[in-house]
Protein backbone atom coordinates (compact mmCIF):
# COMPACT_ATOMS: atom_id res chain seq x y z
CA UNK A 1 0.00 0.00 0.00
CA UNK A 2 1.44 3.39 -0.99
CA UNK A 3 1.71 6.38 1.34
CA UNK A 4 -1.06 8.12 -0.60
CA UNK A 5 -3.38 5.13 -0.02
CA UNK A 6 -2.48 5.09 3.68
CA UNK A 7 -3.01 8.83 3.92
CA UNK A 8 -6.28 8.49 2.02
CA UNK A 9 -7.54 5.86 4.48
CA UNK A 10 -6.57 8.02 7.47
CA UNK A 11 -8.35 11.02 5.98
CA UNK A 12 -11.47 8.99 5.17
CA UNK A 13 -11.54 7.57 8.69
CA UNK A 14 -11.06 11.00 10.26
CA UNK A 15 -13.78 12.61 8.14
CA UNK A 16 -16.29 9.86 8.88
CA UNK A 17 -15.54 10.20 12.58
CA UNK A 18 -15.87 13.99 12.38
CA UNK A 19 -19.28 13.91 10.67
CA UNK A 20 -20.63 11.22 12.97
CA UNK A 21 -19.44 13.10 16.06
CA UNK A 22 -20.08 16.70 15.05
CA UNK A 23 -23.39 16.15 13.24
CA UNK A 24 -24.90 12.98 14.75
CA UNK A 25 -27.57 11.31 12.66
CA UNK A 26 -28.55 8.09 14.47
CA UNK A 27 -29.37 5.11 12.32
CA UNK A 28 -27.40 6.36 9.33
CA UNK A 29 -24.36 4.41 8.18
CA UNK A 30 -21.92 6.89 6.71
CA UNK A 31 -19.75 5.60 3.86
CA UNK A 32 -17.30 7.17 1.41
CA UNK A 33 -20.08 7.82 -1.07
CA UNK A 34 -22.97 8.76 1.21
CA UNK A 35 -24.66 11.95 0.05
CA UNK A 36 -23.58 14.43 2.74
CA UNK A 37 -26.02 17.24 1.88
CA UNK A 38 -29.05 14.97 2.22
CA UNK A 39 -27.83 13.08 5.30
CA UNK A 40 -26.53 16.05 7.26
CA UNK A 41 -28.47 19.00 5.81
CA UNK A 42 -25.25 20.84 4.98
CA UNK A 43 -25.88 24.53 5.56
CA UNK A 44 -23.48 27.47 5.80
CA UNK A 45 -22.79 26.89 9.50
CA UNK A 46 -21.94 23.23 8.92
CA UNK A 47 -19.74 24.17 5.97
CA UNK A 48 -17.88 26.66 8.18
CA UNK A 49 -17.53 24.09 10.98
CA UNK A 50 -16.17 21.56 8.48
CA UNK A 51 -13.76 24.07 6.93
CA UNK A 52 -12.35 24.97 10.35
CA UNK A 53 -11.96 21.27 11.14
CA UNK A 54 -10.16 20.59 7.84
CA UNK A 55 -7.77 23.47 8.45
CA UNK A 56 -7.00 22.43 12.02
CA UNK A 57 -6.90 18.66 11.51
CA UNK A 58 -4.92 18.58 8.28
CA UNK A 59 -2.94 21.82 8.48
CA UNK A 60 -4.32 23.21 5.24
CA UNK A 61 -5.54 26.71 4.44
CA UNK A 62 -8.72 27.27 2.53
CA UNK A 63 -9.79 30.40 0.72
CA UNK A 64 -13.33 31.28 -0.27
CA UNK A 65 -12.80 30.10 -3.85
CA UNK A 66 -11.92 26.60 -2.55
CA UNK A 67 -15.36 26.15 -1.04
CA UNK A 68 -18.02 24.80 -3.37
CA UNK A 69 -20.82 22.26 -3.30
CA UNK A 70 -18.81 19.68 -5.26
CA UNK A 71 -16.29 19.06 -2.48
CA UNK A 72 -19.07 18.59 0.09
CA UNK A 73 -20.92 15.89 -1.87
CA UNK A 74 -19.44 12.95 0.02
CA UNK A 75 -16.48 11.76 2.08
CA UNK A 76 -14.61 10.74 -1.07
CA UNK A 77 -14.87 14.23 -2.61
CA UNK A 78 -13.72 15.82 0.66
CA UNK A 79 -10.83 13.35 0.88
CA UNK A 80 -9.74 14.15 -2.69
CA UNK A 81 -9.89 17.84 -1.86
CA UNK A 82 -7.75 17.41 1.28
CA UNK A 83 -5.20 15.30 -0.61
CA UNK A 84 -4.98 17.95 -3.33
CA UNK A 85 -4.49 20.72 -0.77
CA UNK A 86 -1.84 18.67 1.06
CA UNK A 87 0.06 18.06 -2.16
CA UNK A 88 0.21 21.79 -2.92
CA UNK A 89 1.19 22.88 0.58
PDB file of N, CA and C in Angstrom:
ATOM      1  N   UNK A   1       0.855  -1.182   0.000  1.00  0.00           N
ATOM      2  CA  UNK A   1       0.000   0.000   0.000  1.00  0.00           C
ATOM      3  C   UNK A   1       0.898   1.242   0.000  1.00  0.00           C
ATOM      4  N   UNK A   2       0.617   2.189  -0.895  1.00  0.00           N
ATOM      5  CA  UNK A   2       1.438   3.395  -0.989  1.00  0.00           C
ATOM      6  C   UNK A   2       1.084   4.368   0.128  1.00  0.00           C
ATOM      7  N   UNK A   3       1.970   5.362   0.313  1.00  0.00           N
ATOM      8  CA  UNK A   3       1.715   6.385   1.336  1.00  0.00           C
ATOM      9  C   UNK A   3       0.434   7.155   1.053  1.00  0.00           C
ATOM     10  N   UNK A   4       0.158   7.390  -0.242  1.00  0.00           N
ATOM     11  CA  UNK A   4      -1.060   8.116  -0.604  1.00  0.00           C
ATOM     12  C   UNK A   4      -2.287   7.309  -0.189  1.00  0.00           C
ATOM     13  N   UNK A   5      -2.251   5.978  -0.408  1.00  0.00           N
ATOM     14  CA  UNK A   5      -3.378   5.129  -0.017  1.00  0.00           C
ATOM     15  C   UNK A   5      -3.544   5.118   1.498  1.00  0.00           C
ATOM     16  N   UNK A   6      -2.419   5.056   2.223  1.00  0.00           N
ATOM     17  CA  UNK A   6      -2.478   5.087   3.681  1.00  0.00           C
ATOM     18  C   UNK A   6      -3.038   6.430   4.137  1.00  0.00           C
ATOM     19  N   UNK A   7      -2.510   7.500   3.571  1.00  0.00           N
ATOM     20  CA  UNK A   7      -3.006   8.831   3.919  1.00  0.00           C
ATOM     21  C   UNK A   7      -4.490   8.956   3.590  1.00  0.00           C
ATOM     22  N   UNK A   8      -4.883   8.436   2.434  1.00  0.00           N
ATOM     23  CA  UNK A   8      -6.282   8.487   2.022  1.00  0.00           C
ATOM     24  C   UNK A   8      -7.160   7.793   3.061  1.00  0.00           C
ATOM     25  N   UNK A   9      -6.749   6.614   3.501  1.00  0.00           N
ATOM     26  CA  UNK A   9      -7.544   5.864   4.481  1.00  0.00           C
ATOM     27  C   UNK A   9      -7.634   6.611   5.811  1.00  0.00           C
ATOM     28  N   UNK A  10      -6.549   7.240   6.227  1.00  0.00           N
ATOM     29  CA  UNK A  10      -6.569   8.022   7.466  1.00  0.00           C
ATOM     30  C   UNK A  10      -7.515   9.211   7.339  1.00  0.00           C
ATOM     31  N   UNK A  11      -7.480   9.862   6.200  1.00  0.00           N
ATOM     32  CA  UNK A  11      -8.349  11.020   5.976  1.00  0.00           C
ATOM     33  C   UNK A  11      -9.809  10.580   5.952  1.00  0.00           C
ATOM     34  N   UNK A  12     -10.102   9.505   5.227  1.00  0.00           N
ATOM     35  CA  UNK A  12     -11.475   8.989   5.171  1.00  0.00           C
ATOM     36  C   UNK A  12     -11.975   8.672   6.571  1.00  0.00           C
ATOM     37  N   UNK A  13     -11.166   7.958   7.331  1.00  0.00           N
ATOM     38  CA  UNK A  13     -11.544   7.573   8.692  1.00  0.00           C
ATOM     39  C   UNK A  13     -11.795   8.797   9.568  1.00  0.00           C
ATOM     40  N   UNK A  14     -10.919   9.778   9.473  1.00  0.00           N
ATOM     41  CA  UNK A  14     -11.059  11.002  10.265  1.00  0.00           C
ATOM     42  C   UNK A  14     -12.323  11.762   9.880  1.00  0.00           C
ATOM     43  N   UNK A  15     -12.597  11.867   8.588  1.00  0.00           N
ATOM     44  CA  UNK A  15     -13.776  12.610   8.138  1.00  0.00           C
ATOM     45  C   UNK A  15     -15.073  11.911   8.554  1.00  0.00           C
ATOM     46  N   UNK A  16     -15.107  10.601   8.437  1.00  0.00           N
ATOM     47  CA  UNK A  16     -16.294   9.861   8.878  1.00  0.00           C
ATOM     48  C   UNK A  16     -16.510  10.082  10.371  1.00  0.00           C
ATOM     49  N   UNK A  17     -15.440   9.973  11.135  1.00  0.00           N
ATOM     50  CA  UNK A  17     -15.538  10.199  12.580  1.00  0.00           C
ATOM     51  C   UNK A  17     -16.024  11.623  12.875  1.00  0.00           C
ATOM     52  N   UNK A  18     -15.477  12.596  12.178  1.00  0.00           N
ATOM     53  CA  UNK A  18     -15.872  13.994  12.377  1.00  0.00           C
ATOM     54  C   UNK A  18     -17.371  14.183  12.131  1.00  0.00           C
ATOM     55  N   UNK A  19     -17.860  13.717  10.986  1.00  0.00           N
ATOM     56  CA  UNK A  19     -19.276  13.911  10.668  1.00  0.00           C
ATOM     57  C   UNK A  19     -20.182  13.179  11.649  1.00  0.00           C
ATOM     58  N   UNK A  20     -19.810  11.974  12.029  1.00  0.00           N
ATOM     59  CA  UNK A  20     -20.634  11.215  12.972  1.00  0.00           C
ATOM     60  C   UNK A  20     -20.643  11.852  14.358  1.00  0.00           C
ATOM     61  N   UNK A  21     -19.545  12.476  14.738  1.00  0.00           N
ATOM     62  CA  UNK A  21     -19.439  13.096  16.057  1.00  0.00           C
ATOM     63  C   UNK A  21     -20.032  14.502  16.077  1.00  0.00           C
ATOM     64  N   UNK A  22     -19.677  15.292  15.087  1.00  0.00           N
ATOM     65  CA  UNK A  22     -20.082  16.703  15.054  1.00  0.00           C
ATOM     66  C   UNK A  22     -21.552  16.886  14.659  1.00  0.00           C
ATOM     67  N   UNK A  23     -22.016  16.041  13.747  1.00  0.00           N
ATOM     68  CA  UNK A  23     -23.386  16.150  13.236  1.00  0.00           C
ATOM     69  C   UNK A  23     -24.088  14.790  13.359  1.00  0.00           C
ATOM     70  N   UNK A  24     -24.333  14.324  14.574  1.00  0.00           N
ATOM     71  CA  UNK A  24     -24.895  12.979  14.753  1.00  0.00           C
ATOM     72  C   UNK A  24     -26.228  12.795  14.019  1.00  0.00           C
ATOM     73  N   UNK A  25     -26.346  11.666  13.370  1.00  0.00           N
ATOM     74  CA  UNK A  25     -27.569  11.312  12.663  1.00  0.00           C
ATOM     75  C   UNK A  25     -27.805   9.824  12.916  1.00  0.00           C
ATOM     76  N   UNK A  26     -28.391   9.491  14.073  1.00  0.00           N
ATOM     77  CA  UNK A  26     -28.550   8.089  14.471  1.00  0.00           C
ATOM     78  C   UNK A  26     -29.251   7.246  13.405  1.00  0.00           C
ATOM     79  N   UNK A  27     -28.768   6.040  13.267  1.00  0.00           N
ATOM     80  CA  UNK A  27     -29.373   5.113  12.322  1.00  0.00           C
ATOM     81  C   UNK A  27     -28.843   5.222  10.912  1.00  0.00           C
ATOM     82  N   UNK A  28     -27.969   6.174  10.661  1.00  0.00           N
ATOM     83  CA  UNK A  28     -27.403   6.359   9.328  1.00  0.00           C
ATOM     84  C   UNK A  28     -25.988   5.795   9.309  1.00  0.00           C
ATOM     85  N   UNK A  29     -25.719   4.921   8.349  1.00  0.00           N
ATOM     86  CA  UNK A  29     -24.362   4.413   8.175  1.00  0.00           C
ATOM     87  C   UNK A  29     -23.662   5.291   7.144  1.00  0.00           C
ATOM     88  N   UNK A  30     -22.649   5.977   7.582  1.00  0.00           N
ATOM     89  CA  UNK A  30     -21.916   6.889   6.714  1.00  0.00           C
ATOM     90  C   UNK A  30     -20.809   6.134   5.998  1.00  0.00           C
ATOM     91  N   UNK A  31     -20.787   6.234   4.670  1.00  0.00           N
ATOM     92  CA  UNK A  31     -19.748   5.602   3.858  1.00  0.00           C
ATOM     93  C   UNK A  31     -19.047   6.672   3.031  1.00  0.00           C
ATOM     94  N   UNK A  32     -18.047   6.241   2.276  1.00  0.00           N
ATOM     95  CA  UNK A  32     -17.298   7.167   1.411  1.00  0.00           C
ATOM     96  C   UNK A  32     -18.198   7.912   0.426  1.00  0.00           C
ATOM     97  N   UNK A  33     -19.254   7.246  -0.012  1.00  0.00           N
ATOM     98  CA  UNK A  33     -20.081   7.815  -1.074  1.00  0.00           C
ATOM     99  C   UNK A  33     -21.459   8.274  -0.605  1.00  0.00           C
ATOM    100  N   UNK A  34     -21.689   8.263   0.691  1.00  0.00           N
ATOM    101  CA  UNK A  34     -22.970   8.759   1.215  1.00  0.00           C
ATOM    102  C   UNK A  34     -23.150  10.225   0.835  1.00  0.00           C
ATOM    103  N   UNK A  35     -24.355  10.584   0.463  1.00  0.00           N
ATOM    104  CA  UNK A  35     -24.661  11.952   0.055  1.00  0.00           C
ATOM    105  C   UNK A  35     -24.738  12.857   1.286  1.00  0.00           C
ATOM    106  N   UNK A  36     -23.661  13.600   1.534  1.00  0.00           N
ATOM    107  CA  UNK A  36     -23.583  14.427   2.742  1.00  0.00           C
ATOM    108  C   UNK A  36     -24.685  15.482   2.834  1.00  0.00           C
ATOM    109  N   UNK A  37     -24.981  16.213   1.749  1.00  0.00           N
ATOM    110  CA  UNK A  37     -26.020  17.240   1.882  1.00  0.00           C
ATOM    111  C   UNK A  37     -27.378  16.684   2.315  1.00  0.00           C
ATOM    112  N   UNK A  38     -27.738  15.505   1.836  1.00  0.00           N
ATOM    113  CA  UNK A  38     -29.051  14.975   2.217  1.00  0.00           C
ATOM    114  C   UNK A  38     -29.031  14.333   3.602  1.00  0.00           C
ATOM    115  N   UNK A  39     -27.910  13.735   3.989  1.00  0.00           N
ATOM    116  CA  UNK A  39     -27.831  13.079   5.298  1.00  0.00           C
ATOM    117  C   UNK A  39     -27.640  14.062   6.442  1.00  0.00           C
ATOM    118  N   UNK A  40     -26.906  15.133   6.182  1.00  0.00           N
ATOM    119  CA  UNK A  40     -26.534  16.047   7.262  1.00  0.00           C
ATOM    120  C   UNK A  40     -27.053  17.464   7.057  1.00  0.00           C
ATOM    121  N   UNK A  41     -27.918  17.674   6.072  1.00  0.00           N
ATOM    122  CA  UNK A  41     -28.468  19.000   5.810  1.00  0.00           C
ATOM    123  C   UNK A  41     -27.370  20.060   5.892  1.00  0.00           C
ATOM    124  N   UNK A  42     -26.415  19.950   4.985  1.00  0.00           N
ATOM    125  CA  UNK A  42     -25.253  20.836   4.979  1.00  0.00           C
ATOM    126  C   UNK A  42     -25.710  22.268   4.697  1.00  0.00           C
ATOM    127  N   UNK A  43     -25.565  23.115   5.698  1.00  0.00           N
ATOM    128  CA  UNK A  43     -25.876  24.532   5.558  1.00  0.00           C
ATOM    129  C   UNK A  43     -24.591  25.326   5.762  1.00  0.00           C
ATOM    130  N   UNK A  44     -24.685  26.641   5.720  1.00  0.00           N
ATOM    131  CA  UNK A  44     -23.479  27.470   5.801  1.00  0.00           C
ATOM    132  C   UNK A  44     -22.736  27.285   7.123  1.00  0.00           C
ATOM    133  N   UNK A  45     -23.449  27.090   8.212  1.00  0.00           N
ATOM    134  CA  UNK A  45     -22.787  26.886   9.502  1.00  0.00           C
ATOM    135  C   UNK A  45     -22.028  25.559   9.520  1.00  0.00           C
ATOM    136  N   UNK A  46     -22.620  24.525   8.965  1.00  0.00           N
ATOM    137  CA  UNK A  46     -21.935  23.226   8.917  1.00  0.00           C
ATOM    138  C   UNK A  46     -20.752  23.256   7.954  1.00  0.00           C
ATOM    139  N   UNK A  47     -20.877  24.008   6.876  1.00  0.00           N
ATOM    140  CA  UNK A  47     -19.737  24.172   5.969  1.00  0.00           C
ATOM    141  C   UNK A  47     -18.602  24.860   6.712  1.00  0.00           C
ATOM    142  N   UNK A  48     -18.900  25.933   7.423  1.00  0.00           N
ATOM    143  CA  UNK A  48     -17.879  26.663   8.178  1.00  0.00           C
ATOM    144  C   UNK A  48     -17.241  25.767   9.237  1.00  0.00           C
ATOM    145  N   UNK A  49     -18.046  25.014   9.962  1.00  0.00           N
ATOM    146  CA  UNK A  49     -17.529  24.091  10.976  1.00  0.00           C
ATOM    147  C   UNK A  49     -16.598  23.064  10.341  1.00  0.00           C
ATOM    148  N   UNK A  50     -16.989  22.552   9.183  1.00  0.00           N
ATOM    149  CA  UNK A  50     -16.170  21.556   8.481  1.00  0.00           C
ATOM    150  C   UNK A  50     -14.880  22.181   7.968  1.00  0.00           C
ATOM    151  N   UNK A  51     -14.955  23.379   7.422  1.00  0.00           N
ATOM    152  CA  UNK A  51     -13.760  24.072   6.929  1.00  0.00           C
ATOM    153  C   UNK A  51     -12.762  24.288   8.065  1.00  0.00           C
ATOM    154  N   UNK A  52     -13.236  24.752   9.195  1.00  0.00           N
ATOM    155  CA  UNK A  52     -12.351  24.965  10.350  1.00  0.00           C
ATOM    156  C   UNK A  52     -11.713  23.651  10.767  1.00  0.00           C
ATOM    157  N   UNK A  53     -12.501  22.586  10.782  1.00  0.00           N
ATOM    158  CA  UNK A  53     -11.962  21.268  11.141  1.00  0.00           C
ATOM    159  C   UNK A  53     -10.883  20.829  10.145  1.00  0.00           C
ATOM    160  N   UNK A  54     -11.142  20.983   8.860  1.00  0.00           N
ATOM    161  CA  UNK A  54     -10.159  20.594   7.839  1.00  0.00           C
ATOM    162  C   UNK A  54      -8.854  21.360   8.028  1.00  0.00           C
ATOM    163  N   UNK A  55      -8.969  22.652   8.267  1.00  0.00           N
ATOM    164  CA  UNK A  55      -7.768  23.470   8.455  1.00  0.00           C
ATOM    165  C   UNK A  55      -6.991  23.039   9.691  1.00  0.00           C
ATOM    166  N   UNK A  56      -7.683  22.806  10.776  1.00  0.00           N
ATOM    167  CA  UNK A  56      -7.003  22.428  12.020  1.00  0.00           C
ATOM    168  C   UNK A  56      -6.479  20.998  11.980  1.00  0.00           C
ATOM    169  N   UNK A  57      -7.269  20.077  11.494  1.00  0.00           N
ATOM    170  CA  UNK A  57      -6.902  18.663  11.514  1.00  0.00           C
ATOM    171  C   UNK A  57      -5.792  18.335  10.524  1.00  0.00           C
ATOM    172  N   UNK A  58      -5.843  18.953   9.341  1.00  0.00           N
ATOM    173  CA  UNK A  58      -4.917  18.576   8.282  1.00  0.00           C
ATOM    174  C   UNK A  58      -3.877  19.652   7.973  1.00  0.00           C
ATOM    175  N   UNK A  59      -3.941  20.778   8.667  1.00  0.00           N
ATOM    176  CA  UNK A  59      -2.944  21.823   8.481  1.00  0.00           C
ATOM    177  C   UNK A  59      -2.985  22.466   7.107  1.00  0.00           C
ATOM    178  N   UNK A  60      -4.173  22.580   6.552  1.00  0.00           N
ATOM    179  CA  UNK A  60      -4.318  23.206   5.245  1.00  0.00           C
ATOM    180  C   UNK A  60      -5.025  24.542   5.415  1.00  0.00           C
ATOM    181  N   UNK A  61      -4.850  25.413   4.431  1.00  0.00           N
ATOM    182  CA  UNK A  61      -5.536  26.705   4.442  1.00  0.00           C
ATOM    183  C   UNK A  61      -6.513  26.739   3.281  1.00  0.00           C
ATOM    184  N   UNK A  62      -7.713  27.159   3.568  1.00  0.00           N
ATOM    185  CA  UNK A  62      -8.721  27.271   2.531  1.00  0.00           C
ATOM    186  C   UNK A  62      -9.057  28.733   2.313  1.00  0.00           C
ATOM    187  N   UNK A  63      -9.317  29.064   1.071  1.00  0.00           N
ATOM    188  CA  UNK A  63      -9.792  30.398   0.720  1.00  0.00           C
ATOM    189  C   UNK A  63     -11.219  30.245   0.199  1.00  0.00           C
ATOM    190  N   UNK A  64     -11.915  31.329   0.122  1.00  0.00           N
ATOM    191  CA  UNK A  64     -13.327  31.279  -0.266  1.00  0.00           C
ATOM    192  C   UNK A  64     -13.541  30.543  -1.587  1.00  0.00           C
ATOM    193  N   UNK A  65     -12.633  30.739  -2.542  1.00  0.00           N
ATOM    194  CA  UNK A  65     -12.798  30.100  -3.852  1.00  0.00           C
ATOM    195  C   UNK A  65     -12.637  28.578  -3.794  1.00  0.00           C
ATOM    196  N   UNK A  66     -12.047  28.053  -2.715  1.00  0.00           N
ATOM    197  CA  UNK A  66     -11.925  26.597  -2.547  1.00  0.00           C
ATOM    198  C   UNK A  66     -13.261  25.949  -2.207  1.00  0.00           C
ATOM    199  N   UNK A  67     -14.144  26.716  -1.620  1.00  0.00           N
ATOM    200  CA  UNK A  67     -15.364  26.155  -1.042  1.00  0.00           C
ATOM    201  C   UNK A  67     -16.483  26.152  -2.081  1.00  0.00           C
ATOM    202  N   UNK A  68     -16.902  24.941  -2.450  1.00  0.00           N
ATOM    203  CA  UNK A  68     -18.022  24.798  -3.375  1.00  0.00           C
ATOM    204  C   UNK A  68     -18.777  23.508  -3.066  1.00  0.00           C
ATOM    205  N   UNK A  69     -19.954  23.399  -3.606  1.00  0.00           N
ATOM    206  CA  UNK A  69     -20.824  22.257  -3.302  1.00  0.00           C
ATOM    207  C   UNK A  69     -20.205  20.930  -3.719  1.00  0.00           C
ATOM    208  N   UNK A  70     -19.389  20.932  -4.766  1.00  0.00           N
ATOM    209  CA  UNK A  70     -18.813  19.680  -5.257  1.00  0.00           C
ATOM    210  C   UNK A  70     -17.959  18.979  -4.214  1.00  0.00           C
ATOM    211  N   UNK A  71     -17.167  19.726  -3.449  1.00  0.00           N
ATOM    212  CA  UNK A  71     -16.290  19.060  -2.478  1.00  0.00           C
ATOM    213  C   UNK A  71     -17.058  18.540  -1.274  1.00  0.00           C
ATOM    214  N   UNK A  72     -18.268  19.025  -1.054  1.00  0.00           N
ATOM    215  CA  UNK A  72     -19.075  18.590   0.088  1.00  0.00           C
ATOM    216  C   UNK A  72     -20.102  17.523  -0.284  1.00  0.00           C
ATOM    217  N   UNK A  73     -19.958  16.911  -1.450  1.00  0.00           N
ATOM    218  CA  UNK A  73     -20.920  15.890  -1.873  1.00  0.00           C
ATOM    219  C   UNK A  73     -20.844  14.624  -1.037  1.00  0.00           C
ATOM    220  N   UNK A  74     -19.612  14.188  -0.744  1.00  0.00           N
ATOM    221  CA  UNK A  74     -19.439  12.951   0.025  1.00  0.00           C
ATOM    222  C   UNK A  74     -18.042  12.919   0.644  1.00  0.00           C
ATOM    223  N   UNK A  75     -17.780  11.893   1.413  1.00  0.00           N
ATOM    224  CA  UNK A  75     -16.480  11.760   2.080  1.00  0.00           C
ATOM    225  C   UNK A  75     -15.362  11.634   1.047  1.00  0.00           C
ATOM    226  N   UNK A  76     -15.623  10.929  -0.027  1.00  0.00           N
ATOM    227  CA  UNK A  76     -14.609  10.740  -1.073  1.00  0.00           C
ATOM    228  C   UNK A  76     -14.220  12.073  -1.708  1.00  0.00           C
ATOM    229  N   UNK A  77     -15.187  12.929  -2.000  1.00  0.00           N
ATOM    230  CA  UNK A  77     -14.866  14.225  -2.609  1.00  0.00           C
ATOM    231  C   UNK A  77     -14.106  15.115  -1.627  1.00  0.00           C
ATOM    232  N   UNK A  78     -14.461  15.063  -0.356  1.00  0.00           N
ATOM    233  CA  UNK A  78     -13.716  15.821   0.657  1.00  0.00           C
ATOM    234  C   UNK A  78     -12.296  15.281   0.808  1.00  0.00           C
ATOM    235  N   UNK A  79     -12.152  13.969   0.775  1.00  0.00           N
ATOM    236  CA  UNK A  79     -10.825  13.352   0.877  1.00  0.00           C
ATOM    237  C   UNK A  79      -9.954  13.770  -0.297  1.00  0.00           C
ATOM    238  N   UNK A  80     -10.502  13.722  -1.504  1.00  0.00           N
ATOM    239  CA  UNK A  80      -9.744  14.148  -2.686  1.00  0.00           C
ATOM    240  C   UNK A  80      -9.322  15.605  -2.562  1.00  0.00           C
ATOM    241  N   UNK A  81     -10.208  16.429  -2.051  1.00  0.00           N
ATOM    242  CA  UNK A  81      -9.895  17.842  -1.856  1.00  0.00           C
ATOM    243  C   UNK A  81      -8.743  18.008  -0.868  1.00  0.00           C
ATOM    244  N   UNK A  82      -8.812  17.319   0.269  1.00  0.00           N
ATOM    245  CA  UNK A  82      -7.750  17.412   1.285  1.00  0.00           C
ATOM    246  C   UNK A  82      -6.427  16.932   0.698  1.00  0.00           C
ATOM    247  N   UNK A  83      -6.437  15.816  -0.014  1.00  0.00           N
ATOM    248  CA  UNK A  83      -5.196  15.299  -0.611  1.00  0.00           C
ATOM    249  C   UNK A  83      -4.607  16.299  -1.605  1.00  0.00           C
ATOM    250  N   UNK A  84      -5.457  16.938  -2.382  1.00  0.00           N
ATOM    251  CA  UNK A  84      -4.984  17.952  -3.333  1.00  0.00           C
ATOM    252  C   UNK A  84      -4.360  19.128  -2.595  1.00  0.00           C
ATOM    253  N   UNK A  85      -5.031  19.600  -1.549  1.00  0.00           N
ATOM    254  CA  UNK A  85      -4.487  20.724  -0.770  1.00  0.00           C
ATOM    255  C   UNK A  85      -3.166  20.337  -0.105  1.00  0.00           C
ATOM    256  N   UNK A  86      -3.081  19.123   0.418  1.00  0.00           N
ATOM    257  CA  UNK A  86      -1.842  18.674   1.065  1.00  0.00           C
ATOM    258  C   UNK A  86      -0.693  18.585   0.068  1.00  0.00           C
ATOM    259  N   UNK A  87      -0.997  18.207  -1.160  1.00  0.00           N
ATOM    260  CA  UNK A  87       0.063  18.056  -2.159  1.00  0.00           C
ATOM    261  C   UNK A  87       0.563  19.397  -2.670  1.00  0.00           C
ATOM    262  N   UNK A  88      -0.210  20.459  -2.456  1.00  0.00           N
ATOM    263  CA  UNK A  88       0.210  21.787  -2.917  1.00  0.00           C
ATOM    264  C   UNK A  88       0.701  22.669  -1.778  1.00  0.00           C
ATOM    265  N   UNK A  89       0.761  22.103  -0.581  1.00  0.00           N
ATOM    266  CA  UNK A  89       1.194  22.884   0.580  1.00  0.00           C
ATOM    267  C   UNK A  89       2.687  22.792   0.751  1.00  0.00           C
TER     268      UNK A  89
END
